[in-house]
N, C-alpha and C. Protein backbone atom coordinates (compact mmCIF):
# COMPACT_ATOMS: atom_id res chain seq x y z
N MET A 1 -19.90 -23.69 23.28
CA MET A 1 -19.71 -24.95 24.04
C MET A 1 -20.64 -26.08 24.25
N LYS A 2 -20.69 -26.70 24.60
CA LYS A 2 -21.35 -28.05 25.83
C LYS A 2 -20.08 -29.19 26.35
N ALA A 3 -20.40 -29.04 27.39
CA ALA A 3 -20.01 -30.15 27.99
C ALA A 3 -20.54 -30.56 29.75
N LEU A 4 -20.08 -32.35 28.56
CA LEU A 4 -21.65 -32.89 29.17
C LEU A 4 -19.85 -34.08 30.58
N PHE A 5 -20.93 -33.18 32.43
CA PHE A 5 -20.36 -33.91 33.35
C PHE A 5 -20.74 -35.27 33.23
N ILE A 6 -20.43 -36.79 33.77
CA ILE A 6 -20.83 -38.13 34.74
C ILE A 6 -20.11 -38.08 35.65
N VAL A 7 -21.26 -37.64 37.18
CA VAL A 7 -21.15 -37.85 38.35
C VAL A 7 -20.78 -39.01 38.30
N THR A 8 -20.03 -40.14 38.70
CA THR A 8 -20.40 -41.31 38.80
C THR A 8 -21.05 -42.07 40.93
N GLY A 9 -20.80 -40.43 41.54
CA GLY A 9 -21.45 -40.38 42.82
C GLY A 9 -23.67 -40.57 42.98
N ARG A 10 -23.43 -40.45 44.22
CA ARG A 10 -25.64 -40.51 43.73
C ARG A 10 -25.74 -38.64 43.41
N GLY A 11 -24.82 -38.09 43.26
CA GLY A 11 -25.24 -36.81 42.66
C GLY A 11 -25.92 -35.68 44.07
N ILE A 12 -25.46 -36.72 45.28
CA ILE A 12 -24.99 -35.43 46.91
C ILE A 12 -24.20 -34.93 47.05
N GLY A 13 -22.80 -35.53 47.58
CA GLY A 13 -21.80 -34.67 48.05
C GLY A 13 -20.16 -33.65 46.98
N GLY A 14 -19.67 -34.65 47.46
CA GLY A 14 -18.38 -33.67 45.95
C GLY A 14 -17.56 -34.11 44.84
N ASP A 15 -18.26 -35.45 44.31
CA ASP A 15 -17.95 -34.96 43.20
C ASP A 15 -19.29 -34.68 42.83
N ALA A 16 -20.62 -34.43 43.00
CA ALA A 16 -21.98 -33.33 42.32
C ALA A 16 -21.25 -32.12 42.71
N VAL A 17 -20.18 -31.47 43.94
CA VAL A 17 -19.90 -30.11 44.23
C VAL A 17 -19.46 -30.40 42.85
N ILE A 18 -17.33 -30.73 43.24
CA ILE A 18 -16.78 -30.25 42.04
C ILE A 18 -17.55 -30.29 40.16
N ALA A 19 -18.08 -31.10 40.37
CA ALA A 19 -18.97 -30.90 38.37
C ALA A 19 -19.67 -29.14 38.98
N LEU A 20 -20.28 -29.24 39.47
CA LEU A 20 -20.92 -28.04 39.80
C LEU A 20 -20.47 -26.71 39.93
N ASN A 21 -19.37 -26.83 40.07
CA ASN A 21 -17.99 -26.39 40.52
C ASN A 21 -16.96 -25.73 39.25
N ILE A 22 -17.04 -26.38 38.17
CA ILE A 22 -16.31 -26.35 36.85
C ILE A 22 -16.98 -26.15 36.05
N ALA A 23 -18.44 -26.73 36.39
CA ALA A 23 -19.25 -25.89 35.69
C ALA A 23 -19.00 -24.57 35.19
N LYS A 24 -19.91 -23.83 36.98
CA LYS A 24 -19.97 -22.94 37.02
C LYS A 24 -18.54 -22.17 36.32
N ALA A 25 -17.79 -22.35 36.52
CA ALA A 25 -16.30 -21.83 36.20
C ALA A 25 -16.68 -22.03 34.68
N LEU A 26 -17.18 -23.00 33.62
CA LEU A 26 -17.03 -22.68 32.36
C LEU A 26 -17.49 -21.61 32.12
N THR A 27 -18.76 -21.14 32.98
CA THR A 27 -19.85 -20.34 31.59
C THR A 27 -19.04 -19.15 31.58
N LYS A 28 -17.37 -18.67 31.68
CA LYS A 28 -16.53 -17.63 32.62
C LYS A 28 -16.14 -17.06 30.70
N TYR A 29 -16.25 -18.59 30.09
CA TYR A 29 -15.70 -19.19 28.79
C TYR A 29 -17.22 -19.65 28.60
N ASP A 30 -18.46 -19.37 28.28
CA ASP A 30 -19.31 -19.39 27.11
C ASP A 30 -20.20 -20.85 27.11
N PHE A 31 -19.17 -21.56 28.02
CA PHE A 31 -19.20 -23.43 27.55
C PHE A 31 -21.06 -23.52 27.91
N GLN A 32 -21.80 -24.04 28.15
CA GLN A 32 -23.27 -24.72 28.93
C GLN A 32 -22.79 -26.07 29.44
N SER A 33 -23.62 -26.63 30.07
CA SER A 33 -22.74 -27.58 30.57
C SER A 33 -24.08 -28.06 31.18
N GLU A 34 -24.05 -29.46 30.60
CA GLU A 34 -24.94 -30.63 31.65
C GLU A 34 -24.57 -31.56 31.99
N PHE A 35 -25.18 -32.48 32.98
CA PHE A 35 -25.25 -33.38 33.89
C PHE A 35 -25.34 -34.31 33.59
N ALA A 36 -24.65 -36.17 33.84
CA ALA A 36 -25.78 -37.51 34.04
C ALA A 36 -25.17 -38.31 35.07
N LEU A 37 -26.41 -38.93 35.88
CA LEU A 37 -26.24 -39.63 36.52
C LEU A 37 -26.62 -40.70 36.36
N ASP A 38 -26.07 -42.07 37.49
CA ASP A 38 -26.67 -43.19 37.23
C ASP A 38 -28.46 -43.07 37.08
N HIS A 39 -28.87 -43.98 36.78
CA HIS A 39 -30.58 -43.47 36.72
C HIS A 39 -31.57 -43.91 38.18
N THR A 40 -31.19 -44.50 39.02
CA THR A 40 -31.26 -44.74 40.50
C THR A 40 -30.41 -43.38 41.36
N ALA A 41 -29.67 -42.64 40.88
CA ALA A 41 -29.27 -41.97 41.89
C ALA A 41 -30.37 -40.17 42.31
N PRO A 42 -30.43 -40.30 43.60
CA PRO A 42 -31.67 -39.07 44.24
C PRO A 42 -30.83 -37.81 43.34
N GLY A 43 -29.29 -37.82 43.62
CA GLY A 43 -29.55 -35.80 42.52
C GLY A 43 -29.69 -35.00 43.63
N LEU A 44 -29.56 -34.95 45.35
CA LEU A 44 -30.13 -34.33 45.59
C LEU A 44 -29.60 -32.79 46.01
N LEU A 45 -28.65 -33.15 45.62
CA LEU A 45 -27.54 -31.66 45.29
C LEU A 45 -28.55 -30.85 43.91
N PHE A 46 -29.02 -31.59 42.97
CA PHE A 46 -29.00 -30.71 41.82
C PHE A 46 -30.45 -30.45 41.88
N LYS A 47 -31.20 -31.52 42.54
CA LYS A 47 -32.88 -31.25 42.99
C LYS A 47 -32.26 -29.97 43.31
N LYS A 48 -32.05 -29.60 44.30
CA LYS A 48 -32.03 -28.64 44.79
C LYS A 48 -31.79 -27.12 44.53
N LYS A 49 -30.64 -27.22 43.50
CA LYS A 49 -30.07 -26.01 42.56
C LYS A 49 -31.25 -26.13 41.70
N GLY A 50 -32.47 -27.14 41.20
CA GLY A 50 -32.96 -27.23 39.77
C GLY A 50 -32.09 -27.42 38.81
N ILE A 51 -31.60 -28.15 38.90
CA ILE A 51 -30.75 -28.55 37.79
C ILE A 51 -31.09 -30.25 36.41
N LYS A 52 -31.68 -30.16 36.44
CA LYS A 52 -31.96 -31.16 35.34
C LYS A 52 -30.60 -31.98 35.35
N TRP A 53 -30.57 -33.83 34.93
CA TRP A 53 -29.58 -34.39 34.79
C TRP A 53 -29.99 -35.72 33.47
N HIS A 54 -29.19 -36.41 33.17
CA HIS A 54 -29.36 -36.88 31.84
C HIS A 54 -29.33 -38.32 32.86
N LYS A 55 -29.93 -39.42 32.74
CA LYS A 55 -30.35 -40.11 33.24
C LYS A 55 -28.85 -41.63 32.65
N THR A 56 -28.53 -42.05 33.34
CA THR A 56 -27.40 -42.89 32.41
C THR A 56 -27.66 -44.44 33.24
N SER A 57 -26.28 -45.63 32.07
CA SER A 57 -26.52 -46.68 33.14
C SER A 57 -25.38 -46.93 33.65
N ILE A 58 -24.68 -45.25 34.33
CA ILE A 58 -23.80 -45.63 34.72
C ILE A 58 -23.91 -45.60 36.53
N PRO A 59 -23.18 -47.83 36.68
CA PRO A 59 -23.83 -47.42 38.30
C PRO A 59 -22.69 -46.30 39.47
N GLN A 60 -23.53 -45.97 40.80
CA GLN A 60 -22.83 -45.35 41.78
C GLN A 60 -21.58 -45.71 41.94
N ALA A 61 -20.53 -45.49 41.57
CA ALA A 61 -19.62 -46.60 42.26
C ALA A 61 -18.57 -45.36 42.84
N GLY A 62 -19.15 -44.16 43.41
CA GLY A 62 -17.61 -43.82 44.31
C GLY A 62 -18.36 -43.71 45.04
N GLY A 63 -17.57 -43.30 46.08
CA GLY A 63 -17.62 -43.35 47.94
C GLY A 63 -18.46 -43.45 48.24
N HIS A 64 -19.54 -43.13 49.37
CA HIS A 64 -20.59 -43.97 50.33
C HIS A 64 -21.20 -45.44 49.79
N ALA A 65 -21.72 -45.13 48.03
CA ALA A 65 -22.45 -45.49 47.36
C ALA A 65 -22.01 -46.49 47.21
N ALA A 66 -19.80 -47.00 47.42
CA ALA A 66 -19.48 -47.87 46.57
C ALA A 66 -19.78 -49.61 47.52
N THR A 67 -19.97 -50.50 46.39
CA THR A 67 -20.02 -51.98 46.83
C THR A 67 -19.26 -52.92 45.75
N GLN A 68 -18.63 -54.11 46.72
CA GLN A 68 -17.48 -54.71 45.39
C GLN A 68 -18.56 -54.79 43.88
N LYS A 69 -19.57 -55.57 43.80
CA LYS A 69 -20.62 -55.23 42.56
C LYS A 69 -20.47 -53.55 41.99
N THR A 70 -20.70 -52.54 42.60
CA THR A 70 -20.65 -51.52 41.78
C THR A 70 -19.36 -50.83 41.25
N LEU A 71 -18.48 -51.11 41.69
CA LEU A 71 -16.82 -51.56 41.65
C LEU A 71 -16.68 -51.81 40.10
N LEU A 72 -17.19 -53.14 40.29
CA LEU A 72 -16.87 -54.40 39.18
C LEU A 72 -17.12 -53.52 38.18
N ASN A 73 -18.79 -53.26 38.33
CA ASN A 73 -19.32 -52.77 37.28
C ASN A 73 -19.25 -51.24 36.13
N ALA A 74 -18.24 -50.37 37.06
CA ALA A 74 -17.34 -49.09 36.42
C ALA A 74 -17.14 -49.67 35.94
């Protein structure tokens, strides 16, 4: 089975860490995980771990990246 994690942050902090931890736990049950981030997100945590991600049009609405415009778009 596959699981798709859509990370609404920039792929740097809490949201990304939680997604990676859940994905790691799901591997025990034979799940394959994929990740999706906003196309402008730097995804530094994923780059550091060598994980590729899908680019989506979901805005970076979470955490410190939040502005009123991105919250409305989300």
